[in-house]
């Protein structure tokens, strides 16, 4: 029950944030952080849910790998290991458990667990672009997606935008943080220094310029 409540609360965050920004309660550009931390949460911080598609790979032992959805009981079945709890856990945690269990059969196994499809908690795993863009959008998160990818999916910015005052809003460790995005430099100059990789639940806002 606690996990369900947590996902619900997190899922509401982007809507609450967007409403706050539209109401003018966002902080000034000077208060924005310059960049997300290098270890900012991405797909590996996402907690696996029921029906998510998981790929398990064992280096040098392809016959031990599987690609399967997480069952309603939150488990997946791995060759030699049997049932492994995946629901409510990060991919890295599941990989560590499988690796430990496989060490009884395979010498120094190297295991990776990758989410190939985020089917559960679909609302939480979306990326949203709001503000002075041609078509505000809510799009499914894809591994490797960047700010530019999301903005282009929104049809790019309008003629009224102030792209270099854009921001990336992310919920992490129970609190929200905003990061400066110089979208104008990305679009016009090809400067990708603030073209950050996005994470599930991120909200990108593009303000209008002050006339």
N, C-alpha and C. Protein backbone atom coordinates (compact mmCIF):
# COMPACT_ATOMS: atom_id res chain seq x y z
N UNK A 1 0.83 -1.21 0.00
CA UNK A 1 0.00 0.00 0.00
C UNK A 1 0.86 1.25 0.00
N UNK A 2 1.98 1.21 0.77
CA UNK A 2 2.84 2.36 0.81
C UNK A 2 3.40 2.70 -0.56
N UNK A 3 3.80 1.62 -1.34
CA UNK A 3 4.36 1.85 -2.66
C UNK A 3 3.33 2.48 -3.59
N UNK A 4 2.08 2.01 -3.52
CA UNK A 4 1.03 2.55 -4.38
C UNK A 4 0.82 4.03 -4.09
N UNK A 5 0.79 4.39 -2.79
CA UNK A 5 0.59 5.79 -2.42
C UNK A 5 1.75 6.64 -2.90
N UNK A 6 2.96 6.07 -2.84
CA UNK A 6 4.13 6.81 -3.29
C UNK A 6 4.05 7.11 -4.77
N UNK A 7 3.64 6.10 -5.58
CA UNK A 7 3.56 6.32 -7.01
C UNK A 7 2.48 7.36 -7.32
N UNK A 8 1.36 7.32 -6.59
CA UNK A 8 0.29 8.28 -6.82
C UNK A 8 0.77 9.70 -6.55
N UNK A 9 1.47 9.86 -5.42
CA UNK A 9 1.95 11.19 -5.06
C UNK A 9 2.95 11.70 -6.08
N UNK A 10 3.86 10.82 -6.52
CA UNK A 10 4.83 11.24 -7.50
C UNK A 10 4.18 11.56 -8.83
N UNK A 11 3.16 10.78 -9.20
CA UNK A 11 2.49 11.01 -10.45
C UNK A 11 1.79 12.35 -10.52
N UNK A 12 1.32 12.86 -9.37
CA UNK A 12 0.64 14.14 -9.31
C UNK A 12 1.61 15.31 -9.38
N UNK A 13 2.88 15.06 -9.10
CA UNK A 13 3.83 16.16 -9.00
C UNK A 13 3.91 17.00 -10.26
N UNK A 14 4.04 16.37 -11.49
CA UNK A 14 4.16 17.20 -12.68
C UNK A 14 2.98 18.12 -12.90
N UNK A 15 1.74 17.65 -12.63
CA UNK A 15 0.58 18.49 -12.82
C UNK A 15 0.59 19.66 -11.84
N UNK A 16 0.92 19.37 -10.58
CA UNK A 16 0.98 20.43 -9.58
C UNK A 16 2.05 21.45 -9.93
N UNK A 17 3.17 20.97 -10.42
CA UNK A 17 4.26 21.86 -10.78
C UNK A 17 3.86 22.74 -11.95
N UNK A 18 3.23 22.13 -12.97
CA UNK A 18 2.83 22.91 -14.13
C UNK A 18 1.82 23.99 -13.74
N UNK A 19 0.87 23.64 -12.86
CA UNK A 19 -0.12 24.62 -12.41
C UNK A 19 0.54 25.75 -11.67
N UNK A 20 1.53 25.41 -10.85
CA UNK A 20 2.25 26.42 -10.09
C UNK A 20 2.96 27.39 -11.01
N UNK A 21 3.60 26.85 -12.06
CA UNK A 21 4.34 27.69 -12.99
C UNK A 21 3.41 28.63 -13.75
N UNK A 22 2.26 28.09 -14.18
CA UNK A 22 1.31 28.91 -14.92
C UNK A 22 0.75 30.02 -14.05
N UNK A 23 0.69 29.78 -12.75
CA UNK A 23 0.17 30.78 -11.83
C UNK A 23 1.21 31.81 -11.46
N UNK A 24 2.43 31.63 -11.93
CA UNK A 24 3.46 32.61 -11.68
C UNK A 24 4.19 32.41 -10.38
N UNK A 25 4.13 31.21 -9.78
CA UNK A 25 4.78 31.02 -8.50
C UNK A 25 6.14 30.38 -8.64
N UNK A 26 6.63 30.19 -9.88
CA UNK A 26 7.97 29.64 -10.06
C UNK A 26 9.01 30.66 -9.65
N UNK A 27 10.15 30.18 -9.19
CA UNK A 27 11.20 31.07 -8.76
C UNK A 27 11.85 31.73 -9.96
N UNK A 28 12.60 32.80 -9.75
CA UNK A 28 13.24 33.53 -10.83
C UNK A 28 14.34 32.69 -11.44
N UNK A 29 14.78 33.08 -12.68
CA UNK A 29 15.80 32.33 -13.37
C UNK A 29 17.09 32.25 -12.58
N UNK A 30 17.42 33.29 -11.81
CA UNK A 30 18.67 33.29 -11.06
C UNK A 30 18.69 32.21 -9.99
N UNK A 31 17.51 31.71 -9.58
CA UNK A 31 17.46 30.71 -8.52
C UNK A 31 17.65 29.30 -9.06
N UNK A 32 17.68 29.16 -10.39
CA UNK A 32 17.80 27.84 -10.97
C UNK A 32 19.21 27.31 -10.83
N UNK A 33 19.33 26.02 -10.64
CA UNK A 33 20.64 25.39 -10.62
C UNK A 33 21.17 25.33 -12.05
N UNK A 34 22.48 25.32 -12.17
CA UNK A 34 23.08 25.35 -13.50
C UNK A 34 22.98 24.02 -14.22
N UNK A 35 23.03 22.91 -13.50
CA UNK A 35 23.01 21.61 -14.18
C UNK A 35 22.58 20.53 -13.20
N UNK A 36 21.89 19.50 -13.69
CA UNK A 36 21.59 18.36 -12.82
C UNK A 36 22.89 17.68 -12.42
N UNK A 37 22.91 17.03 -11.25
CA UNK A 37 24.11 16.28 -10.87
C UNK A 37 24.36 15.17 -11.88
N UNK A 38 25.63 14.78 -12.00
CA UNK A 38 25.97 13.76 -12.98
C UNK A 38 25.31 12.43 -12.70
N UNK A 39 24.93 12.22 -11.42
CA UNK A 39 24.25 10.98 -11.07
C UNK A 39 22.76 11.18 -10.90
N UNK A 40 22.21 12.20 -11.62
CA UNK A 40 20.78 12.47 -11.54
C UNK A 40 20.01 11.23 -11.93
N UNK A 41 18.87 10.98 -11.26
CA UNK A 41 18.15 9.73 -11.52
C UNK A 41 17.66 9.65 -12.94
N UNK A 42 17.85 8.51 -13.54
CA UNK A 42 17.30 8.24 -14.86
C UNK A 42 16.56 6.93 -14.77
N UNK A 43 16.63 6.12 -15.82
CA UNK A 43 15.81 4.92 -15.82
C UNK A 43 16.20 3.96 -14.70
N UNK A 44 17.48 3.95 -14.27
CA UNK A 44 17.88 2.98 -13.25
C UNK A 44 17.27 3.30 -11.91
N UNK A 45 16.81 4.55 -11.70
CA UNK A 45 16.20 4.92 -10.43
C UNK A 45 14.70 4.61 -10.44
N UNK A 46 14.18 4.28 -11.60
CA UNK A 46 12.76 3.96 -11.74
C UNK A 46 12.47 2.63 -11.08
N UNK A 47 11.45 2.58 -10.29
CA UNK A 47 11.07 1.33 -9.64
C UNK A 47 10.22 0.49 -10.59
N UNK A 48 10.67 -0.72 -10.81
CA UNK A 48 9.99 -1.62 -11.73
C UNK A 48 8.59 -1.93 -11.23
N UNK A 49 7.64 -1.99 -12.15
CA UNK A 49 6.27 -2.29 -11.78
C UNK A 49 5.72 -3.48 -12.55
N UNK A 50 4.57 -3.93 -12.15
CA UNK A 50 3.91 -5.06 -12.81
C UNK A 50 3.67 -4.73 -14.29
N UNK A 51 3.99 -5.67 -15.15
CA UNK A 51 3.81 -5.60 -16.60
C UNK A 51 4.93 -4.85 -17.31
N UNK A 52 5.89 -4.24 -16.57
CA UNK A 52 7.06 -3.69 -17.23
C UNK A 52 7.83 -4.82 -17.92
N UNK A 53 8.39 -4.54 -19.08
CA UNK A 53 9.18 -5.54 -19.80
C UNK A 53 10.64 -5.43 -19.36
N UNK A 54 11.19 -6.53 -18.85
CA UNK A 54 12.54 -6.54 -18.29
C UNK A 54 13.42 -7.48 -19.12
N UNK A 55 14.63 -7.01 -19.40
CA UNK A 55 15.61 -7.85 -20.10
C UNK A 55 16.76 -8.15 -19.14
N UNK A 56 17.01 -9.43 -18.91
CA UNK A 56 18.12 -9.87 -18.06
C UNK A 56 19.19 -10.48 -18.97
N UNK A 57 20.42 -9.97 -18.85
CA UNK A 57 21.53 -10.48 -19.65
C UNK A 57 22.65 -10.93 -18.73
N UNK A 58 23.24 -12.06 -19.05
CA UNK A 58 24.38 -12.59 -18.30
C UNK A 58 25.55 -12.68 -19.27
N UNK A 59 26.58 -11.88 -19.03
CA UNK A 59 27.69 -11.81 -19.95
C UNK A 59 28.35 -13.18 -20.12
N UNK A 60 28.53 -13.57 -21.39
CA UNK A 60 29.16 -14.85 -21.68
C UNK A 60 28.25 -16.05 -21.56
N UNK A 61 27.00 -15.82 -21.13
CA UNK A 61 26.05 -16.93 -20.96
C UNK A 61 24.68 -16.50 -21.51
N UNK A 62 24.58 -16.34 -22.82
CA UNK A 62 23.32 -15.85 -23.40
C UNK A 62 22.13 -16.75 -23.11
N UNK A 63 22.38 -18.05 -22.87
CA UNK A 63 21.28 -18.97 -22.60
C UNK A 63 20.61 -18.70 -21.26
N UNK A 64 21.26 -17.90 -20.41
CA UNK A 64 20.68 -17.57 -19.11
C UNK A 64 19.89 -16.26 -19.14
N UNK A 65 19.93 -15.59 -20.28
CA UNK A 65 19.21 -14.32 -20.40
C UNK A 65 17.74 -14.51 -20.71
N UNK A 66 16.94 -13.56 -20.32
CA UNK A 66 15.50 -13.60 -20.61
C UNK A 66 15.02 -12.19 -20.93
N UNK A 67 13.91 -12.12 -21.62
CA UNK A 67 13.15 -10.88 -21.78
C UNK A 67 11.71 -11.23 -21.50
N UNK A 68 11.17 -10.64 -20.45
CA UNK A 68 9.83 -11.04 -20.01
C UNK A 68 9.16 -9.92 -19.23
N UNK A 69 7.82 -9.90 -19.21
CA UNK A 69 7.12 -8.91 -18.39
C UNK A 69 7.12 -9.34 -16.92
N UNK A 70 7.05 -8.37 -16.05
CA UNK A 70 6.93 -8.65 -14.62
C UNK A 70 5.51 -9.16 -14.35
N UNK A 71 5.42 -10.29 -13.69
CA UNK A 71 4.12 -10.91 -13.43
C UNK A 71 3.32 -10.13 -12.38
N UNK A 72 2.02 -10.39 -12.28
CA UNK A 72 1.20 -9.70 -11.26
C UNK A 72 1.71 -9.87 -9.84
N UNK A 73 2.46 -10.95 -9.57
CA UNK A 73 3.02 -11.13 -8.23
C UNK A 73 4.32 -10.36 -8.04
N UNK A 74 4.72 -9.57 -9.07
CA UNK A 74 5.92 -8.75 -8.96
C UNK A 74 7.22 -9.49 -9.24
N UNK A 75 7.14 -10.72 -9.76
CA UNK A 75 8.34 -11.53 -9.93
C UNK A 75 8.61 -11.83 -11.40
N UNK A 76 9.87 -12.19 -11.67
CA UNK A 76 10.27 -12.75 -12.96
C UNK A 76 10.98 -14.07 -12.68
N UNK A 77 11.01 -14.95 -13.68
CA UNK A 77 11.67 -16.24 -13.50
C UNK A 77 12.93 -16.27 -14.35
N UNK A 78 14.07 -16.52 -13.69
CA UNK A 78 15.38 -16.51 -14.35
C UNK A 78 15.94 -17.92 -14.36
N UNK A 79 16.48 -18.39 -15.50
CA UNK A 79 17.07 -19.73 -15.55
C UNK A 79 18.11 -19.94 -14.45
N UNK A 80 18.07 -21.12 -13.86
CA UNK A 80 18.93 -21.54 -12.75
C UNK A 80 18.58 -20.89 -11.41
N UNK A 81 18.07 -19.68 -11.47
CA UNK A 81 17.79 -18.93 -10.23
C UNK A 81 16.37 -19.17 -9.74
N UNK A 82 15.43 -19.20 -10.69
CA UNK A 82 14.02 -19.30 -10.33
C UNK A 82 13.39 -17.93 -10.19
N UNK A 83 12.41 -17.81 -9.33
CA UNK A 83 11.68 -16.56 -9.17
C UNK A 83 12.52 -15.51 -8.45
N UNK A 84 12.47 -14.29 -8.98
CA UNK A 84 13.18 -13.16 -8.41
C UNK A 84 12.20 -12.00 -8.29
N UNK A 85 12.17 -11.35 -7.14
CA UNK A 85 11.29 -10.20 -6.94
C UNK A 85 11.85 -9.01 -7.70
N UNK A 86 11.04 -8.45 -8.61
CA UNK A 86 11.45 -7.28 -9.38
C UNK A 86 10.57 -6.07 -9.10
N UNK A 87 9.28 -6.29 -8.82
CA UNK A 87 8.35 -5.20 -8.59
C UNK A 87 8.73 -4.34 -7.41
N UNK A 88 8.69 -3.02 -7.61
CA UNK A 88 8.99 -2.07 -6.54
C UNK A 88 10.47 -1.88 -6.29
N UNK A 89 11.32 -2.39 -7.19
CA UNK A 89 12.76 -2.29 -7.01
C UNK A 89 13.40 -1.69 -8.27
N UNK A 90 14.61 -1.12 -8.10
CA UNK A 90 15.35 -0.58 -9.23
C UNK A 90 16.04 -1.70 -9.99
N UNK A 91 16.28 -1.53 -11.28
CA UNK A 91 16.94 -2.57 -12.07
C UNK A 91 18.27 -3.02 -11.49
N UNK A 92 19.05 -2.10 -10.96
CA UNK A 92 20.34 -2.46 -10.38
C UNK A 92 20.22 -3.39 -9.19
N UNK A 93 19.17 -3.19 -8.39
CA UNK A 93 18.95 -4.05 -7.23
C UNK A 93 18.59 -5.47 -7.66
N UNK A 94 17.77 -5.56 -8.69
CA UNK A 94 17.37 -6.88 -9.20
C UNK A 94 18.59 -7.59 -9.79
N UNK A 95 19.41 -6.85 -10.53
CA UNK A 95 20.61 -7.44 -11.12
C UNK A 95 21.55 -7.98 -10.05
N UNK A 96 21.68 -7.26 -8.93
CA UNK A 96 22.56 -7.69 -7.85
C UNK A 96 22.07 -9.00 -7.24
N UNK A 97 20.75 -9.12 -7.06
CA UNK A 97 20.18 -10.35 -6.51
C UNK A 97 20.42 -11.54 -7.44
N UNK A 98 20.18 -11.32 -8.74
CA UNK A 98 20.38 -12.40 -9.71
C UNK A 98 21.85 -12.80 -9.76
N UNK A 99 22.72 -11.82 -9.74
CA UNK A 99 24.15 -12.10 -9.79
C UNK A 99 24.60 -12.92 -8.60
N UNK A 100 24.09 -12.57 -7.43
CA UNK A 100 24.45 -13.31 -6.22
C UNK A 100 23.96 -14.76 -6.31
N UNK A 101 22.73 -14.95 -6.77
CA UNK A 101 22.18 -16.31 -6.86
C UNK A 101 22.91 -17.12 -7.92
N UNK A 102 23.27 -16.49 -9.04
CA UNK A 102 23.94 -17.21 -10.11
C UNK A 102 25.37 -17.60 -9.75
N UNK A 103 25.95 -16.93 -8.77
CA UNK A 103 27.33 -17.25 -8.39
C UNK A 103 27.46 -18.68 -7.87
N UNK A 104 26.33 -19.30 -7.53
CA UNK A 104 26.35 -20.71 -7.11
C UNK A 104 26.51 -21.65 -8.31
N UNK A 105 26.28 -21.11 -9.52
CA UNK A 105 26.32 -21.95 -10.72
C UNK A 105 27.33 -21.47 -11.76
N UNK A 106 27.58 -20.16 -11.77
CA UNK A 106 28.45 -19.56 -12.78
C UNK A 106 29.57 -18.80 -12.08
N UNK A 107 30.78 -18.96 -12.58
CA UNK A 107 31.91 -18.28 -11.98
C UNK A 107 31.89 -16.79 -12.31
N UNK A 108 31.86 -15.96 -11.26
CA UNK A 108 31.88 -14.51 -11.39
C UNK A 108 30.90 -14.00 -12.46
N UNK A 109 29.62 -14.26 -12.29
CA UNK A 109 28.65 -13.81 -13.30
C UNK A 109 28.54 -12.29 -13.34
N UNK A 110 28.35 -11.77 -14.53
CA UNK A 110 28.12 -10.34 -14.73
C UNK A 110 26.71 -10.17 -15.29
N UNK A 111 25.82 -9.59 -14.47
CA UNK A 111 24.41 -9.52 -14.82
C UNK A 111 23.98 -8.07 -15.02
N UNK A 112 23.21 -7.83 -16.05
CA UNK A 112 22.58 -6.53 -16.26
C UNK A 112 21.08 -6.72 -16.40
N UNK A 113 20.33 -5.79 -15.85
CA UNK A 113 18.88 -5.78 -15.98
C UNK A 113 18.48 -4.45 -16.60
N UNK A 114 17.77 -4.53 -17.71
CA UNK A 114 17.37 -3.34 -18.45
C UNK A 114 15.85 -3.33 -18.63
N UNK A 115 15.25 -2.18 -18.42
CA UNK A 115 13.83 -2.01 -18.71
C UNK A 115 13.68 -1.67 -20.19
N UNK A 116 13.06 -2.54 -20.94
CA UNK A 116 12.88 -2.30 -22.37
C UNK A 116 11.55 -1.63 -22.68
N UNK A 117 10.57 -1.80 -21.81
CA UNK A 117 9.28 -1.12 -21.98
C UNK A 117 8.74 -0.76 -20.60
N UNK A 118 8.41 0.53 -20.43
CA UNK A 118 7.82 0.98 -19.18
C UNK A 118 6.30 0.94 -19.31
N UNK A 119 5.73 -0.17 -18.95
CA UNK A 119 4.29 -0.35 -19.12
C UNK A 119 3.50 0.04 -17.88
N UNK A 120 4.10 -0.07 -16.71
CA UNK A 120 3.40 0.27 -15.48
C UNK A 120 3.69 1.71 -15.09
N UNK A 121 2.83 2.26 -14.24
CA UNK A 121 3.01 3.63 -13.76
C UNK A 121 3.28 4.56 -14.94
N UNK A 122 2.51 4.33 -16.01
CA UNK A 122 2.74 5.00 -17.27
C UNK A 122 2.68 6.52 -17.12
N UNK A 123 1.81 7.00 -16.25
CA UNK A 123 1.69 8.45 -16.07
C UNK A 123 2.97 9.02 -15.50
N UNK A 124 3.51 8.36 -14.49
CA UNK A 124 4.73 8.83 -13.84
C UNK A 124 5.91 8.83 -14.79
N UNK A 125 5.95 7.89 -15.71
CA UNK A 125 7.13 7.72 -16.55
C UNK A 125 7.12 8.62 -17.78
N UNK A 126 6.19 9.55 -17.89
CA UNK A 126 6.14 10.44 -19.03
C UNK A 126 7.00 11.68 -18.80
N UNK A 127 7.36 12.34 -19.90
CA UNK A 127 8.08 13.61 -19.87
C UNK A 127 7.16 14.67 -20.46
N UNK A 128 7.08 15.83 -19.83
CA UNK A 128 6.14 16.86 -20.25
C UNK A 128 6.87 18.14 -20.65
N UNK A 129 6.35 18.79 -21.70
CA UNK A 129 6.89 20.07 -22.15
C UNK A 129 5.75 21.07 -22.14
N UNK A 130 5.93 22.17 -21.41
CA UNK A 130 4.86 23.16 -21.27
C UNK A 130 5.40 24.55 -21.59
N UNK A 131 4.47 25.51 -21.72
CA UNK A 131 4.86 26.90 -21.92
C UNK A 131 4.81 27.30 -23.38
N UNK A 132 5.80 28.12 -23.81
CA UNK A 132 5.80 28.73 -25.14
C UNK A 132 6.37 27.78 -26.18
N UNK A 133 5.68 26.65 -26.35
CA UNK A 133 6.00 25.70 -27.41
C UNK A 133 4.77 25.57 -28.30
N UNK A 134 4.96 25.07 -29.50
CA UNK A 134 3.85 25.03 -30.45
C UNK A 134 2.75 24.06 -30.04
N UNK A 135 3.12 22.98 -29.38
CA UNK A 135 2.13 22.00 -28.94
C UNK A 135 2.59 21.38 -27.63
N UNK A 136 2.14 21.92 -26.48
CA UNK A 136 2.51 21.29 -25.20
C UNK A 136 2.19 19.80 -25.24
N UNK A 137 3.13 19.00 -24.78
CA UNK A 137 2.96 17.56 -24.91
C UNK A 137 3.31 16.83 -23.63
N UNK A 138 2.79 15.62 -23.54
CA UNK A 138 3.15 14.65 -22.51
C UNK A 138 3.52 13.39 -23.26
N UNK A 139 4.81 13.05 -23.28
CA UNK A 139 5.28 11.95 -24.12
C UNK A 139 5.90 10.85 -23.28
N UNK A 140 5.84 9.61 -23.74
CA UNK A 140 6.45 8.51 -22.99
C UNK A 140 7.96 8.68 -22.89
N UNK A 141 8.51 8.40 -21.74
CA UNK A 141 9.96 8.45 -21.56
C UNK A 141 10.61 7.33 -22.36
N UNK A 142 11.72 7.65 -22.99
CA UNK A 142 12.54 6.66 -23.66
C UNK A 142 13.97 6.79 -23.16
N UNK A 143 14.62 5.69 -22.98
CA UNK A 143 15.99 5.71 -22.49
C UNK A 143 16.87 6.50 -23.46
N UNK A 144 17.66 7.42 -22.92
CA UNK A 144 18.54 8.25 -23.74
C UNK A 144 17.90 9.54 -24.21
N UNK A 145 16.61 9.77 -23.92
CA UNK A 145 15.92 10.98 -24.36
C UNK A 145 16.56 12.22 -23.74
N UNK A 146 16.67 13.28 -24.52
CA UNK A 146 17.24 14.54 -24.05
C UNK A 146 16.20 15.66 -24.07
N UNK A 147 16.60 16.80 -23.51
CA UNK A 147 15.73 17.98 -23.53
C UNK A 147 15.34 18.32 -24.97
N UNK A 148 16.31 18.31 -25.88
CA UNK A 148 16.03 18.65 -27.27
C UNK A 148 15.03 17.70 -27.89
N UNK A 149 15.15 16.43 -27.63
CA UNK A 149 14.19 15.45 -28.15
C UNK A 149 12.77 15.80 -27.73
N UNK A 150 12.62 16.13 -26.44
CA UNK A 150 11.29 16.43 -25.91
C UNK A 150 10.73 17.71 -26.50
N UNK A 151 11.58 18.73 -26.63
CA UNK A 151 11.12 20.01 -27.18
C UNK A 151 10.74 19.87 -28.65
N UNK A 152 11.51 19.12 -29.41
CA UNK A 152 11.16 18.90 -30.82
C UNK A 152 9.85 18.14 -30.95
N UNK A 153 9.58 17.23 -30.00
CA UNK A 153 8.30 16.52 -30.01
C UNK A 153 7.14 17.48 -29.76
N UNK A 154 7.44 18.61 -29.11
CA UNK A 154 6.43 19.64 -28.87
C UNK A 154 6.35 20.65 -30.00
N UNK A 155 7.04 20.38 -31.11
CA UNK A 155 6.99 21.29 -32.26
C UNK A 155 7.93 22.45 -32.17
N UNK A 156 8.87 22.42 -31.23
CA UNK A 156 9.84 23.49 -30.98
C UNK A 156 9.14 24.69 -30.33
N UNK A 157 9.88 25.77 -30.17
CA UNK A 157 9.37 26.93 -29.44
C UNK A 157 8.60 27.86 -30.37
N UNK A 158 7.78 28.73 -29.79
CA UNK A 158 7.04 29.73 -30.56
C UNK A 158 7.87 30.99 -30.70
N UNK A 159 7.37 31.91 -31.52
CA UNK A 159 8.06 33.18 -31.72
C UNK A 159 8.02 34.07 -30.47
N UNK A 160 7.19 33.71 -29.53
CA UNK A 160 7.07 34.50 -28.29
C UNK A 160 7.92 33.94 -27.14
N UNK A 161 8.66 32.90 -27.40
CA UNK A 161 9.40 32.22 -26.35
C UNK A 161 10.66 32.99 -25.95
N UNK A 162 11.08 32.75 -24.71
CA UNK A 162 12.38 33.18 -24.21
C UNK A 162 13.17 31.90 -23.93
N UNK A 163 13.68 31.26 -24.96
CA UNK A 163 14.20 29.90 -24.83
C UNK A 163 15.37 29.76 -23.86
N UNK A 164 16.20 30.81 -23.75
CA UNK A 164 17.35 30.69 -22.87
C UNK A 164 16.99 30.82 -21.39
N UNK A 165 15.72 31.05 -21.10
CA UNK A 165 15.26 31.06 -19.71
C UNK A 165 14.45 29.80 -19.39
N UNK A 166 14.59 28.80 -20.23
CA UNK A 166 13.86 27.55 -20.01
C UNK A 166 14.43 26.81 -18.80
N UNK A 167 13.66 25.86 -18.31
CA UNK A 167 14.09 25.11 -17.13
C UNK A 167 13.59 23.68 -17.17
N UNK A 168 14.36 22.83 -16.53
CA UNK A 168 14.03 21.41 -16.39
C UNK A 168 13.71 21.17 -14.93
N UNK A 169 12.51 20.67 -14.65
CA UNK A 169 12.06 20.44 -13.28
C UNK A 169 12.03 18.94 -13.01
N UNK A 170 12.66 18.56 -11.92
CA UNK A 170 12.80 17.13 -11.60
C UNK A 170 12.53 16.90 -10.12
N UNK A 171 11.82 15.82 -9.84
CA UNK A 171 11.59 15.43 -8.46
C UNK A 171 12.62 14.37 -8.08
N UNK A 172 13.36 14.63 -7.00
CA UNK A 172 14.41 13.71 -6.58
C UNK A 172 14.54 13.75 -5.07
N UNK A 173 14.67 12.57 -4.45
CA UNK A 173 14.84 12.46 -3.01
C UNK A 173 13.74 13.18 -2.24
N UNK A 174 12.52 13.11 -2.76
CA UNK A 174 11.37 13.66 -2.05
C UNK A 174 11.16 15.15 -2.22
N UNK A 175 12.00 15.82 -3.03
CA UNK A 175 11.83 17.26 -3.22
C UNK A 175 12.05 17.59 -4.69
N UNK A 176 11.59 18.78 -5.09
CA UNK A 176 11.73 19.20 -6.46
C UNK A 176 12.95 20.09 -6.66
N UNK A 177 13.53 20.03 -7.84
CA UNK A 177 14.68 20.87 -8.17
C UNK A 177 14.54 21.33 -9.61
N UNK A 178 14.92 22.60 -9.87
CA UNK A 178 14.85 23.15 -11.21
C UNK A 178 16.26 23.44 -11.72
N UNK A 179 16.49 23.14 -13.01
CA UNK A 179 17.80 23.32 -13.62
C UNK A 179 17.67 24.22 -14.85
N UNK A 180 18.62 25.12 -15.00
CA UNK A 180 18.60 26.04 -16.13
C UNK A 180 18.87 25.31 -17.44
N UNK A 181 18.07 25.63 -18.45
CA UNK A 181 18.28 25.08 -19.80
C UNK A 181 18.35 26.25 -20.77
N UNK A 182 19.48 26.39 -21.44
CA UNK A 182 19.65 27.46 -22.43
C UNK A 182 19.21 26.91 -23.80
N UNK A 183 17.91 26.84 -23.95
CA UNK A 183 17.33 26.19 -25.12
C UNK A 183 17.64 26.95 -26.41
N UNK A 184 17.74 28.27 -26.32
CA UNK A 184 18.08 29.06 -27.50
C UNK A 184 19.45 28.70 -28.04
N UNK A 185 20.41 28.50 -27.13
CA UNK A 185 21.76 28.14 -27.55
C UNK A 185 21.77 26.73 -28.16
N UNK A 186 20.90 25.86 -27.63
CA UNK A 186 20.81 24.51 -28.20
C UNK A 186 20.25 24.56 -29.62
N UNK A 187 19.14 25.29 -29.80
CA UNK A 187 18.44 25.31 -31.08
C UNK A 187 19.16 26.14 -32.13
N UNK A 188 19.73 27.28 -31.73
CA UNK A 188 20.29 28.22 -32.70
C UNK A 188 21.78 28.04 -32.92
N UNK A 189 22.50 27.66 -31.87
CA UNK A 189 23.97 27.61 -31.96
C UNK A 189 24.51 26.19 -31.93
N UNK A 190 23.66 25.22 -31.66
CA UNK A 190 24.15 23.85 -31.56
C UNK A 190 24.96 23.59 -30.31
N UNK A 191 24.84 24.48 -29.32
CA UNK A 191 25.55 24.30 -28.05
C UNK A 191 24.76 23.33 -27.18
N UNK A 192 25.27 22.12 -27.00
CA UNK A 192 24.53 21.07 -26.32
C UNK A 192 24.91 20.94 -24.84
N UNK A 193 25.58 21.95 -24.29
CA UNK A 193 26.05 21.85 -22.90
C UNK A 193 24.91 21.75 -21.91
N UNK A 194 23.73 22.27 -22.26
CA UNK A 194 22.57 22.13 -21.35
C UNK A 194 21.50 21.23 -21.94
N UNK A 195 21.87 20.45 -22.95
CA UNK A 195 20.93 19.48 -23.51
C UNK A 195 20.97 18.21 -22.66
N UNK A 196 20.43 18.32 -21.45
CA UNK A 196 20.54 17.23 -20.47
C UNK A 196 19.67 16.04 -20.87
N UNK A 197 20.10 14.87 -20.43
CA UNK A 197 19.24 13.70 -20.53
C UNK A 197 18.09 13.86 -19.53
N UNK A 198 16.90 13.54 -19.97
CA UNK A 198 15.75 13.66 -19.09
C UNK A 198 15.51 12.35 -18.35
N UNK A 199 14.71 12.44 -17.30
CA UNK A 199 14.35 11.28 -16.49
C UNK A 199 12.83 11.16 -16.45
N UNK A 200 12.30 9.98 -16.14
CA UNK A 200 10.85 9.83 -16.04
C UNK A 200 10.25 10.84 -15.07
N UNK A 201 9.17 11.50 -15.49
CA UNK A 201 8.51 12.48 -14.64
C UNK A 201 9.01 13.90 -14.79
N UNK A 202 10.06 14.14 -15.59
CA UNK A 202 10.59 15.49 -15.77
C UNK A 202 9.57 16.40 -16.46
N UNK A 203 9.63 17.69 -16.11
CA UNK A 203 8.80 18.71 -16.76
C UNK A 203 9.73 19.80 -17.29
N UNK A 204 9.64 20.09 -18.58
CA UNK A 204 10.43 21.15 -19.21
C UNK A 204 9.51 22.33 -19.47
N UNK A 205 9.89 23.51 -18.99
CA UNK A 205 9.05 24.70 -19.17
C UNK A 205 9.81 25.73 -19.99
N UNK A 206 9.09 26.33 -20.96
CA UNK A 206 9.66 27.36 -21.81
C UNK A 206 8.84 28.63 -21.59
N UNK A 207 9.41 29.66 -20.93
CA UNK A 207 8.63 30.86 -20.65
C UNK A 207 8.50 31.77 -21.88
N UNK A 208 7.53 32.65 -21.83
CA UNK A 208 7.41 33.67 -22.86
C UNK A 208 8.34 34.84 -22.51
N UNK A 209 8.81 35.53 -23.55
CA UNK A 209 9.69 36.67 -23.32
C UNK A 209 8.88 37.86 -22.80
N UNK A 210 9.53 38.70 -22.04
CA UNK A 210 8.89 39.89 -21.50
C UNK A 210 8.95 40.99 -22.55
N UNK A 211 7.78 41.53 -22.90
CA UNK A 211 7.71 42.57 -23.93
C UNK A 211 7.99 43.93 -23.33
